[in-house]
Amino acid sequence: MKPIRSGKVRDVYECGENFVIVSSDRISAFDCILPTPIPDKGKILNTLSVFWFARTGHIIDNHLLLHRSSDFPAPFNAMPELEGRSSLVRRADVIPIECVVRGYLAGSGWKDYQKNQTVSGIRLPPNLRESEQLAEPIWTPSTKAESGHDEPIDFETAAQICGRARAEQLRDVSLALYNFAANYARERGIIIADTKFEFGLFGDELILIDEMCTPDSSRFWNMETYAAGRAQDSYDKQFVRDYLETLAWDKTPPAPALPPQIIQRTRDKYIEAFNRLTGNVWPDTDVRPEKYA
């Protein structure tokens, strides 16, 4: 079987009127797929997304139909290698905007702020420090590039792409999702500094698609060691980016392989994020809502 679409991490297969999305163990950085996979990464991403989807239906519906591959239609139900790392989802028309919400000043947002005190056209107060919490979370959309780098855009550009009413809806739903997840994570010792959402249209209905609040789509910081004014201890792939920054690599393909100790430490960080957020101990992937009732 061949995927109809293959991204940096996920492969998409047709399944009747729906899609099967398979999360691989591939890891990317600086828009390059690294040659070295992170064991179990795909399972962690898929299961965490299922976890969040199950808890945010009161905010917006999502594309998830089933997440146990043994329940999928044939031939996917006869592929045990898909268990834990795949989801059967509704087919939606993707809105070509990455919906980034920032609660703290980090990454590309921090770099933009240093230039002109704005992020995606939003003017922020002077004298903010790296990693500082913002007075309130901000919606900082970007383009959704098929290849190469996504580019930050302001609200007016987003409105030109998808219409003003839809852009307002994307902004409001993204902020609601972020606030819910950030408050939940904070109670478990994790700061969600920023995160990315993607949306699609199922008929006329806006739904959440792709992934939600995973270590690939978010910055997860350790609340116990957090301090503004510096880089933070993270539970996400920033650890890999930091390692790559120490190499004489120009950030163009081919990307360098990761040494065993970086692979293991990255896997440990992803598992720690999973354990803290779900209350499970990996590899316990039972994240059904009724388990927590």
C-alpha atoms as a PDB file:
ATOM      1  CA  MET A   1       0.000   0.000   0.000  1.00  0.00           C
ATOM      2  CA  LYS A   2       1.195   3.499  -0.795  1.00  0.00           C
ATOM      3  CA  PRO A   3       0.124   6.631   1.084  1.00  0.00           C
ATOM      4  CA  ILE A   4      -1.757   9.272  -0.883  1.00  0.00           C
ATOM      5  CA  ARG A   5       0.172  11.861   1.097  1.00  0.00           C
ATOM      6  CA  SER A   6       3.358  11.581   3.113  1.00  0.00           C
ATOM      7  CA  GLY A   7       4.443  14.356   5.448  1.00  0.00           C
ATOM      8  CA  LYS A   8       7.440  14.825   7.674  1.00  0.00           C
ATOM      9  CA  VAL A   9       5.946  12.485  10.273  1.00  0.00           C
ATOM     10  CA  ARG A  10       2.531  11.234   9.094  1.00  0.00           C
ATOM     11  CA  ASP A  11       1.395   9.103   6.163  1.00  0.00           C
ATOM     12  CA  VAL A  12      -2.202   9.318   4.935  1.00  0.00           C
ATOM     13  CA  TYR A  13      -4.060   6.424   3.293  1.00  0.00           C
ATOM     14  CA  GLU A  14      -7.497   6.309   1.715  1.00  0.00           C
ATOM     15  CA  CYS A  15     -10.023   4.114   3.530  1.00  0.00           C
ATOM     16  CA  GLY A  16     -13.365   4.298   1.763  1.00  0.00           C
ATOM     17  CA  GLU A  17     -14.778   7.768   2.363  1.00  0.00           C
ATOM     18  CA  ASN A  18     -12.323   8.335   5.208  1.00  0.00           C
ATOM     19  CA  PHE A  19      -8.575   8.444   5.827  1.00  0.00           C
ATOM     20  CA  VAL A  20      -6.205   6.374   7.912  1.00  0.00           C
ATOM     21  CA  ILE A  21      -3.401   8.527   9.319  1.00  0.00           C
ATOM     22  CA  VAL A  22      -0.287   6.698  10.466  1.00  0.00           C
ATOM     23  CA  SER A  23       2.169   8.485  12.771  1.00  0.00           C
ATOM     24  CA  SER A  24       5.697   7.298  12.097  1.00  0.00           C
ATOM     25  CA  ASP A  25       8.750   7.490  14.338  1.00  0.00           C
ATOM     26  CA  ARG A  26      10.356  10.004  11.979  1.00  0.00           C
ATOM     27  CA  ILE A  27      11.475  13.287  13.485  1.00  0.00           C
ATOM     28  CA  SER A  28      12.096  16.544  11.660  1.00  0.00           C
ATOM     29  CA  ALA A  29      13.937  19.713  12.564  1.00  0.00           C
ATOM     30  CA  PHE A  30      14.437  22.916  10.590  1.00  0.00           C
ATOM     31  CA  ASP A  31      12.060  21.460   7.969  1.00  0.00           C
ATOM     32  CA  CYS A  32      14.359  18.478   7.345  1.00  0.00           C
ATOM     33  CA  ILE A  33      13.530  14.853   8.110  1.00  0.00           C
ATOM     34  CA  LEU A  34      16.361  13.346  10.131  1.00  0.00           C
ATOM     35  CA  PRO A  35      17.622   9.910   9.080  1.00  0.00           C
ATOM     36  CA  THR A  36      17.331   8.563  12.629  1.00  0.00           C
ATOM     37  CA  PRO A  37      13.873   7.667  14.020  1.00  0.00           C
ATOM     38  CA  ILE A  38      12.850   7.999  17.682  1.00  0.00           C
ATOM     39  CA  PRO A  39      11.416   4.657  18.887  1.00  0.00           C
ATOM     40  CA  ASP A  40       7.714   4.844  19.919  1.00  0.00           C
ATOM     41  CA  LYS A  41       7.459   8.506  18.955  1.00  0.00           C
ATOM     42  CA  GLY A  42       4.579   7.913  16.538  1.00  0.00           C
ATOM     43  CA  LYS A  43       2.589   6.010  19.139  1.00  0.00           C
ATOM     44  CA  ILE A  44       3.073   8.782  21.686  1.00  0.00           C
ATOM     45  CA  LEU A  45       1.964  11.484  19.234  1.00  0.00           C
ATOM     46  CA  ASN A  46      -1.089   9.538  18.097  1.00  0.00           C
ATOM     47  CA  THR A  47      -2.195   8.588  21.604  1.00  0.00           C
ATOM     48  CA  LEU A  48      -1.720  12.093  23.009  1.00  0.00           C
ATOM     49  CA  SER A  49      -3.829  13.519  20.196  1.00  0.00           C
ATOM     50  CA  VAL A  50      -6.559  10.962  20.941  1.00  0.00           C
ATOM     51  CA  PHE A  51      -6.322  11.996  24.604  1.00  0.00           C
ATOM     52  CA  TRP A  52      -6.850  15.690  23.806  1.00  0.00           C
ATOM     53  CA  PHE A  53      -9.512  15.094  21.143  1.00  0.00           C
ATOM     54  CA  ALA A  54     -11.563  13.190  23.712  1.00  0.00           C
ATOM     55  CA  ARG A  55     -11.432  16.123  26.124  1.00  0.00           C
ATOM     56  CA  THR A  56     -12.079  19.085  23.860  1.00  0.00           C
ATOM     57  CA  GLY A  57     -15.252  18.085  22.031  1.00  0.00           C
ATOM     58  CA  HIS A  58     -17.122  20.702  24.054  1.00  0.00           C
ATOM     59  CA  ILE A  59     -15.015  23.356  22.294  1.00  0.00           C
ATOM     60  CA  ILE A  60     -14.985  21.967  18.741  1.00  0.00           C
ATOM     61  CA  ASP A  61     -15.547  18.641  17.026  1.00  0.00           C
ATOM     62  CA  ASN A  62     -12.581  16.850  15.478  1.00  0.00           C
ATOM     63  CA  HIS A  63     -11.820  14.390  12.697  1.00  0.00           C
ATOM     64  CA  LEU A  64     -11.253  11.286  14.870  1.00  0.00           C
ATOM     65  CA  LEU A  65     -13.482   8.260  14.269  1.00  0.00           C
ATOM     66  CA  LEU A  66     -11.474   5.292  15.631  1.00  0.00           C
ATOM     67  CA  HIS A  67      -7.995   4.859  17.097  1.00  0.00           C
ATOM     68  CA  ARG A  68      -7.769   1.078  17.574  1.00  0.00           C
ATOM     69  CA  SER A  69      -6.537  -0.340  14.280  1.00  0.00           C
ATOM     70  CA  SER A  70      -8.227  -3.682  14.953  1.00  0.00           C
ATOM     71  CA  ASP A  71     -11.541  -1.810  14.599  1.00  0.00           C
ATOM     72  CA  PHE A  72     -10.622  -0.272  11.217  1.00  0.00           C
ATOM     73  CA  PRO A  73     -12.083  -1.563   7.950  1.00  0.00           C
ATOM     74  CA  ALA A  74     -10.080  -4.125   5.990  1.00  0.00           C
ATOM     75  CA  PRO A  75      -7.247  -4.346   5.152  1.00  0.00           C
ATOM     76  CA  PHE A  76      -6.068  -2.002   7.925  1.00  0.00           C
ATOM     77  CA  ASN A  77      -7.559  -4.160  10.698  1.00  0.00           C
ATOM     78  CA  ALA A  78      -5.160  -6.954   9.729  1.00  0.00           C
ATOM     79  CA  MET A  79      -2.047  -4.829  10.216  1.00  0.00           C
ATOM     80  CA  PRO A  80      -0.887  -5.128  13.837  1.00  0.00           C
ATOM     81  CA  GLU A  81       2.018  -2.773  13.128  1.00  0.00           C
ATOM     82  CA  LEU A  82      -0.527   0.082  12.959  1.00  0.00           C
ATOM     83  CA  GLU A  83      -1.804  -0.456  16.499  1.00  0.00           C
ATOM     84  CA  GLY A  84      -1.280   2.584  18.689  1.00  0.00           C
ATOM     85  CA  ARG A  85       0.133   4.771  15.921  1.00  0.00           C
ATOM     86  CA  SER A  86      -2.859   5.171  13.593  1.00  0.00           C
ATOM     87  CA  SER A  87      -6.282   6.813  13.524  1.00  0.00           C
ATOM     88  CA  LEU A  88      -9.300   6.475  11.262  1.00  0.00           C
ATOM     89  CA  VAL A  89     -10.456  10.031  10.570  1.00  0.00           C
ATOM     90  CA  ARG A  90     -13.053  11.918   8.590  1.00  0.00           C
ATOM     91  CA  ARG A  91     -11.941  13.354   5.279  1.00  0.00           C
ATOM     92  CA  ALA A  92     -11.903  17.145   5.550  1.00  0.00           C
ATOM     93  CA  ASP A  93     -10.917  20.021   3.303  1.00  0.00           C
ATOM     94  CA  VAL A  94      -7.811  21.452   4.958  1.00  0.00           C
ATOM     95  CA  ILE A  95      -7.732  25.181   5.677  1.00  0.00           C
ATOM     96  CA  PRO A  96      -4.257  26.360   4.533  1.00  0.00           C
ATOM     97  CA  ILE A  97      -3.387  28.200   7.735  1.00  0.00           C
ATOM     98  CA  GLU A  98      -1.300  26.996  10.692  1.00  0.00           C
ATOM     99  CA  CYS A  99      -3.032  28.287  13.807  1.00  0.00           C
ATOM    100  CA  VAL A 100      -0.268  28.992  16.313  1.00  0.00           C
ATOM    101  CA  VAL A 101      -1.140  30.218  19.804  1.00  0.00           C
ATOM    102  CA  ARG A 102       1.577  31.685  22.011  1.00  0.00           C
ATOM    103  CA  GLY A 103       1.252  32.103  25.742  1.00  0.00           C
ATOM    104  CA  TYR A 104       4.964  32.769  26.217  1.00  0.00           C
ATOM    105  CA  LEU A 105       7.609  34.533  24.145  1.00  0.00           C
ATOM    106  CA  ALA A 106       9.875  31.897  22.613  1.00  0.00           C
ATOM    107  CA  GLY A 107      11.215  30.525  19.354  1.00  0.00           C
ATOM    108  CA  SER A 108      10.432  32.497  16.206  1.00  0.00           C
ATOM    109  CA  GLY A 109       8.096  34.715  18.221  1.00  0.00           C
ATOM    110  CA  TRP A 110      10.986  35.812  20.421  1.00  0.00           C
ATOM    111  CA  LYS A 111      13.156  36.459  17.366  1.00  0.00           C
ATOM    112  CA  ASP A 112      10.428  38.597  15.753  1.00  0.00           C
ATOM    113  CA  TYR A 113       9.854  40.521  18.976  1.00  0.00           C
ATOM    114  CA  GLN A 114      13.547  41.396  19.216  1.00  0.00           C
ATOM    115  CA  LYS A 115      13.375  43.029  15.778  1.00  0.00           C
ATOM    116  CA  ASN A 116      10.361  45.303  16.198  1.00  0.00           C
ATOM    117  CA  GLN A 117       8.393  44.362  19.351  1.00  0.00           C
ATOM    118  CA  THR A 118       5.700  42.664  17.274  1.00  0.00           C
ATOM    119  CA  VAL A 119       4.700  39.056  16.601  1.00  0.00           C
ATOM    120  CA  SER A 120       2.503  38.413  13.541  1.00  0.00           C
ATOM    121  CA  GLY A 121       1.555  42.069  13.469  1.00  0.00           C
ATOM    122  CA  ILE A 122       0.604  42.169  17.168  1.00  0.00           C
ATOM    123  CA  ARG A 123       2.472  44.857  19.081  1.00  0.00           C
ATOM    124  CA  LEU A 124       3.666  43.703  22.491  1.00  0.00           C
ATOM    125  CA  PRO A 125       4.896  45.711  25.498  1.00  0.00           C
ATOM    126  CA  PRO A 126       8.561  46.784  25.553  1.00  0.00           C
ATOM    127  CA  ASN A 127      11.298  45.085  27.585  1.00  0.00           C
ATOM    128  CA  LEU A 128       9.847  41.578  27.547  1.00  0.00           C
ATOM    129  CA  ARG A 129      12.353  38.796  28.176  1.00  0.00           C
ATOM    130  CA  GLU A 130      12.900  35.496  26.417  1.00  0.00           C
ATOM    131  CA  SER A 131      10.376  32.871  27.630  1.00  0.00           C
ATOM    132  CA  GLU A 132       8.324  35.511  29.451  1.00  0.00           C
ATOM    133  CA  GLN A 133       4.618  34.836  29.873  1.00  0.00           C
ATOM    134  CA  LEU A 134       2.426  37.177  27.854  1.00  0.00           C
ATOM    135  CA  ALA A 135      -0.385  39.142  29.483  1.00  0.00           C
ATOM    136  CA  GLU A 136      -2.759  36.951  27.489  1.00  0.00           C
ATOM    137  CA  PRO A 137      -2.243  34.316  24.773  1.00  0.00           C
ATOM    138  CA  ILE A 138      -2.041  35.590  21.193  1.00  0.00           C
ATOM    139  CA  TRP A 139      -3.029  33.992  17.884  1.00  0.00           C
ATOM    140  CA  THR A 140      -0.098  34.132  15.459  1.00  0.00           C
ATOM    141  CA  PRO A 141      -1.045  32.292  12.253  1.00  0.00           C
ATOM    142  CA  SER A 142       1.323  31.198   9.530  1.00  0.00           C
ATOM    143  CA  THR A 143       1.061  29.862   6.026  1.00  0.00           C
ATOM    144  CA  LYS A 144       0.782  26.112   5.585  1.00  0.00           C
ATOM    145  CA  ALA A 145       3.482  25.356   3.050  1.00  0.00           C
ATOM    146  CA  GLU A 146       3.475  22.124   1.057  1.00  0.00           C
ATOM    147  CA  SER A 147       7.268  22.279   1.124  1.00  0.00           C
ATOM    148  CA  GLY A 148       9.851  24.542   2.689  1.00  0.00           C
ATOM    149  CA  HIS A 149       9.183  26.921   5.539  1.00  0.00           C
ATOM    150  CA  ASP A 150       5.844  28.148   6.860  1.00  0.00           C
ATOM    151  CA  GLU A 151       5.788  31.946   6.937  1.00  0.00           C
ATOM    152  CA  PRO A 152       4.189  33.980   9.748  1.00  0.00           C
ATOM    153  CA  ILE A 153       1.255  36.156   8.716  1.00  0.00           C
ATOM    154  CA  ASP A 154      -0.941  38.697  10.468  1.00  0.00           C
ATOM    155  CA  PHE A 155      -4.685  38.518  11.010  1.00  0.00           C
ATOM    156  CA  GLU A 156      -5.507  40.586   7.926  1.00  0.00           C
ATOM    157  CA  THR A 157      -3.539  38.223   5.681  1.00  0.00           C
ATOM    158  CA  ALA A 158      -5.293  35.236   7.244  1.00  0.00           C
ATOM    159  CA  ALA A 159      -8.628  36.935   6.549  1.00  0.00           C
ATOM    160  CA  GLN A 160      -7.656  37.354   2.915  1.00  0.00           C
ATOM    161  CA  ILE A 161      -6.878  33.630   2.677  1.00  0.00           C
ATOM    162  CA  CYS A 162     -10.027  32.215   4.261  1.00  0.00           C
ATOM    163  CA  GLY A 163     -12.421  35.140   4.823  1.00  0.00           C
ATOM    164  CA  ARG A 164     -12.751  37.432   7.831  1.00  0.00           C
ATOM    165  CA  ALA A 165     -15.514  35.487   9.575  1.00  0.00           C
ATOM    166  CA  ARG A 166     -13.608  32.220   9.238  1.00  0.00           C
ATOM    167  CA  ALA A 167     -10.358  33.827  10.419  1.00  0.00           C
ATOM    168  CA  GLU A 168     -12.152  35.144  13.506  1.00  0.00           C
ATOM    169  CA  GLN A 169     -13.553  31.663  14.145  1.00  0.00           C
ATOM    170  CA  LEU A 170     -10.118  30.069  13.760  1.00  0.00           C
ATOM    171  CA  ARG A 171      -8.614  32.608  16.164  1.00  0.00           C
ATOM    172  CA  ASP A 172     -11.322  32.219  18.795  1.00  0.00           C
ATOM    173  CA  VAL A 173     -11.389  28.420  18.695  1.00  0.00           C
ATOM    174  CA  SER A 174      -7.589  28.206  18.768  1.00  0.00           C
ATOM    175  CA  LEU A 175      -7.408  30.425  21.836  1.00  0.00           C
ATOM    176  CA  ALA A 176     -10.141  28.414  23.571  1.00  0.00           C
ATOM    177  CA  LEU A 177      -8.314  25.144  22.871  1.00  0.00           C
ATOM    178  CA  TYR A 178      -5.012  26.561  24.068  1.00  0.00           C
ATOM    179  CA  ASN A 179      -6.473  27.940  27.293  1.00  0.00           C
ATOM    180  CA  PHE A 180      -8.147  24.621  28.083  1.00  0.00           C
ATOM    181  CA  ALA A 181      -5.007  22.565  27.391  1.00  0.00           C
ATOM    182  CA  ALA A 182      -2.632  25.012  29.089  1.00  0.00           C
ATOM    183  CA  ASN A 183      -4.695  25.069  32.283  1.00  0.00           C
ATOM    184  CA  TYR A 184      -4.942  21.272  32.273  1.00  0.00           C
ATOM    185  CA  ALA A 185      -1.202  20.825  31.689  1.00  0.00           C
ATOM    186  CA  ARG A 186      -0.217  23.378  34.322  1.00  0.00           C
ATOM    187  CA  GLU A 187      -1.978  21.292  36.976  1.00  0.00           C
ATOM    188  CA  ARG A 188       0.356  18.471  35.961  1.00  0.00           C
ATOM    189  CA  GLY A 189       3.592  20.430  36.043  1.00  0.00           C
ATOM    190  CA  ILE A 190       3.893  21.288  32.347  1.00  0.00           C
ATOM    191  CA  ILE A 191       3.776  24.731  30.756  1.00  0.00           C
ATOM    192  CA  ILE A 192       2.481  24.738  27.187  1.00  0.00           C
ATOM    193  CA  ALA A 193       4.411  27.773  25.974  1.00  0.00           C
ATOM    194  CA  ASP A 194       2.941  27.647  22.485  1.00  0.00           C
ATOM    195  CA  THR A 195       1.237  25.159  20.218  1.00  0.00           C
ATOM    196  CA  LYS A 196      -0.087  24.692  16.699  1.00  0.00           C
ATOM    197  CA  PHE A 197      -3.570  23.654  15.579  1.00  0.00           C
ATOM    198  CA  GLU A 198      -4.849  22.713  12.147  1.00  0.00           C
ATOM    199  CA  PHE A 199      -8.440  22.824  10.981  1.00  0.00           C
ATOM    200  CA  GLY A 200     -10.524  21.579   8.094  1.00  0.00           C
ATOM    201  CA  LEU A 201     -14.063  21.759   6.790  1.00  0.00           C
ATOM    202  CA  PHE A 202     -16.310  18.698   6.971  1.00  0.00           C
ATOM    203  CA  GLY A 203     -19.107  19.930   4.779  1.00  0.00           C
ATOM    204  CA  ASP A 204     -19.786  23.367   6.239  1.00  0.00           C
ATOM    205  CA  GLU A 205     -18.561  22.411   9.727  1.00  0.00           C
ATOM    206  CA  LEU A 206     -15.185  23.548  11.038  1.00  0.00           C
ATOM    207  CA  ILE A 207     -13.379  20.659  12.734  1.00  0.00           C
ATOM    208  CA  LEU A 208      -9.999  20.135  14.383  1.00  0.00           C
ATOM    209  CA  ILE A 209      -7.649  17.861  12.407  1.00  0.00           C
ATOM    210  CA  ASP A 210      -4.102  16.490  12.383  1.00  0.00           C
ATOM    211  CA  GLU A 211      -2.734  16.461  15.966  1.00  0.00           C
ATOM    212  CA  MET A 212      -3.246  18.348  19.198  1.00  0.00           C
ATOM    213  CA  CYS A 213      -0.814  19.467  21.896  1.00  0.00           C
ATOM    214  CA  THR A 214       1.910  16.916  21.280  1.00  0.00           C
ATOM    215  CA  PRO A 215       5.671  17.332  21.822  1.00  0.00           C
ATOM    216  CA  ASP A 216       5.969  17.802  18.035  1.00  0.00           C
ATOM    217  CA  SER A 217       3.399  20.592  17.743  1.00  0.00           C
ATOM    218  CA  SER A 218       4.061  22.371  21.048  1.00  0.00           C
ATOM    219  CA  ARG A 219       6.689  23.695  23.428  1.00  0.00           C
ATOM    220  CA  PHE A 220       6.346  21.827  26.715  1.00  0.00           C
ATOM    221  CA  TRP A 221       8.337  23.309  29.603  1.00  0.00           C
ATOM    222  CA  ASN A 222       9.011  22.004  33.086  1.00  0.00           C
ATOM    223  CA  MET A 223       7.061  24.278  35.426  1.00  0.00           C
ATOM    224  CA  GLU A 224       9.357  23.462  38.350  1.00  0.00           C
ATOM    225  CA  THR A 225      12.437  24.885  36.636  1.00  0.00           C
ATOM    226  CA  TYR A 226      10.790  27.658  34.609  1.00  0.00           C
ATOM    227  CA  ALA A 227      12.311  31.133  34.810  1.00  0.00           C
ATOM    228  CA  ALA A 228      11.893  33.957  32.333  1.00  0.00           C
ATOM    229  CA  GLY A 229      14.992  35.408  30.684  1.00  0.00           C
ATOM    230  CA  ARG A 230      16.520  32.215  29.295  1.00  0.00           C
ATOM    231  CA  ALA A 231      15.825  29.038  27.350  1.00  0.00           C
ATOM    232  CA  GLN A 232      13.820  26.425  29.259  1.00  0.00           C
ATOM    233  CA  ASP A 233      13.998  22.753  30.170  1.00  0.00           C
ATOM    234  CA  SER A 234      11.658  21.167  27.631  1.00  0.00           C
ATOM    235  CA  TYR A 235       9.744  17.959  26.969  1.00  0.00           C
ATOM    236  CA  ASP A 236       9.602  18.454  23.216  1.00  0.00           C
ATOM    237  CA  LYS A 237      11.821  18.263  20.152  1.00  0.00           C
ATOM    238  CA  GLN A 238      13.553  21.530  21.034  1.00  0.00           C
ATOM    239  CA  PHE A 239      16.098  19.211  22.643  1.00  0.00           C
ATOM    240  CA  VAL A 240      16.920  17.842  19.178  1.00  0.00           C
ATOM    241  CA  ARG A 241      17.057  21.337  17.656  1.00  0.00           C
ATOM    242  CA  ASP A 242      19.470  22.428  20.387  1.00  0.00           C
ATOM    243  CA  TYR A 243      21.743  19.470  19.671  1.00  0.00           C
ATOM    244  CA  LEU A 244      21.707  20.156  15.923  1.00  0.00           C
ATOM    245  CA  GLU A 245      22.653  23.784  16.566  1.00  0.00           C
ATOM    246  CA  THR A 246      25.965  22.541  17.991  1.00  0.00           C
ATOM    247  CA  LEU A 247      26.888  20.877  14.682  1.00  0.00           C
ATOM    248  CA  ALA A 248      28.458  22.340  11.567  1.00  0.00           C
ATOM    249  CA  TRP A 249      25.266  21.703   9.579  1.00  0.00           C
ATOM    250  CA  ASP A 250      23.742  24.312   7.273  1.00  0.00           C
ATOM    251  CA  LYS A 251      20.159  23.079   7.919  1.00  0.00           C
ATOM    252  CA  THR A 252      19.665  21.797   4.404  1.00  0.00           C
ATOM    253  CA  PRO A 253      19.217  18.138   3.408  1.00  0.00           C
ATOM    254  CA  PRO A 254      20.683  15.695   4.029  1.00  0.00           C
ATOM    255  CA  ALA A 255      20.272  16.061   7.777  1.00  0.00           C
ATOM    256  CA  PRO A 256      22.797  14.434  10.113  1.00  0.00           C
ATOM    257  CA  ALA A 257      22.037  11.259  12.021  1.00  0.00           C
ATOM    258  CA  LEU A 258      21.398  11.482  15.762  1.00  0.00           C
ATOM    259  CA  PRO A 259      23.747   9.661  18.159  1.00  0.00           C
ATOM    260  CA  PRO A 260      22.275   6.988  20.474  1.00  0.00           C
ATOM    261  CA  GLN A 261      22.322   9.192  23.581  1.00  0.00           C
ATOM    262  CA  ILE A 262      20.321  11.947  21.851  1.00  0.00           C
ATOM    263  CA  ILE A 263      17.818   9.378  20.544  1.00  0.00           C
ATOM    264  CA  GLN A 264      17.326   7.919  24.023  1.00  0.00           C
ATOM    265  CA  ARG A 265      17.062  11.306  25.750  1.00  0.00           C
ATOM    266  CA  THR A 266      14.523  12.511  23.191  1.00  0.00           C
ATOM    267  CA  ARG A 267      12.429   9.369  23.668  1.00  0.00           C
ATOM    268  CA  ASP A 268      12.609   9.835  27.440  1.00  0.00           C
ATOM    269  CA  LYS A 269      11.362  13.420  27.132  1.00  0.00           C
ATOM    270  CA  TYR A 270       8.397  12.400  24.966  1.00  0.00           C
ATOM    271  CA  ILE A 271       7.486   9.642  27.418  1.00  0.00           C
ATOM    272  CA  GLU A 272       7.777  12.021  30.379  1.00  0.00           C
ATOM    273  CA  ALA A 273       5.384  14.450  28.689  1.00  0.00           C
ATOM    274  CA  PHE A 274       2.958  11.611  27.968  1.00  0.00           C
ATOM    275  CA  ASN A 275       3.084  10.315  31.544  1.00  0.00           C
ATOM    276  CA  ARG A 276       2.594  13.735  33.115  1.00  0.00           C
ATOM    277  CA  LEU A 277      -0.268  14.772  30.880  1.00  0.00           C
ATOM    278  CA  THR A 278      -2.236  11.522  30.866  1.00  0.00           C
ATOM    279  CA  GLY A 279      -1.419  10.216  34.331  1.00  0.00           C
ATOM    280  CA  ASN A 280      -0.510   6.906  32.695  1.00  0.00           C
ATOM    281  CA  VAL A 281       2.850   5.143  32.813  1.00  0.00           C
ATOM    282  CA  TRP A 282       4.104   4.369  29.309  1.00  0.00           C
ATOM    283  CA  PRO A 283       3.371   2.022  27.553  1.00  0.00           C
ATOM    284  CA  ASP A 284      -0.139   2.208  29.062  1.00  0.00           C
ATOM    285  CA  THR A 285      -1.995   3.833  26.168  1.00  0.00           C
ATOM    286  CA  ASP A 286      -5.530   3.534  27.550  1.00  0.00           C
ATOM    287  CA  VAL A 287      -6.676   7.160  27.346  1.00  0.00           C
ATOM    288  CA  ARG A 288     -10.431   6.639  27.135  1.00  0.00           C
ATOM    289  CA  PRO A 289     -12.329   9.469  28.876  1.00  0.00           C
ATOM    290  CA  GLU A 290     -14.293   7.046  31.056  1.00  0.00           C
ATOM    291  CA  LYS A 291     -11.032   5.838  32.585  1.00  0.00           C
ATOM    292  CA  TYR A 292     -10.733   9.196  34.360  1.00  0.00           C
ATOM    293  CA  ALA A 293     -14.369   9.515  35.435  1.00  0.00           C
END
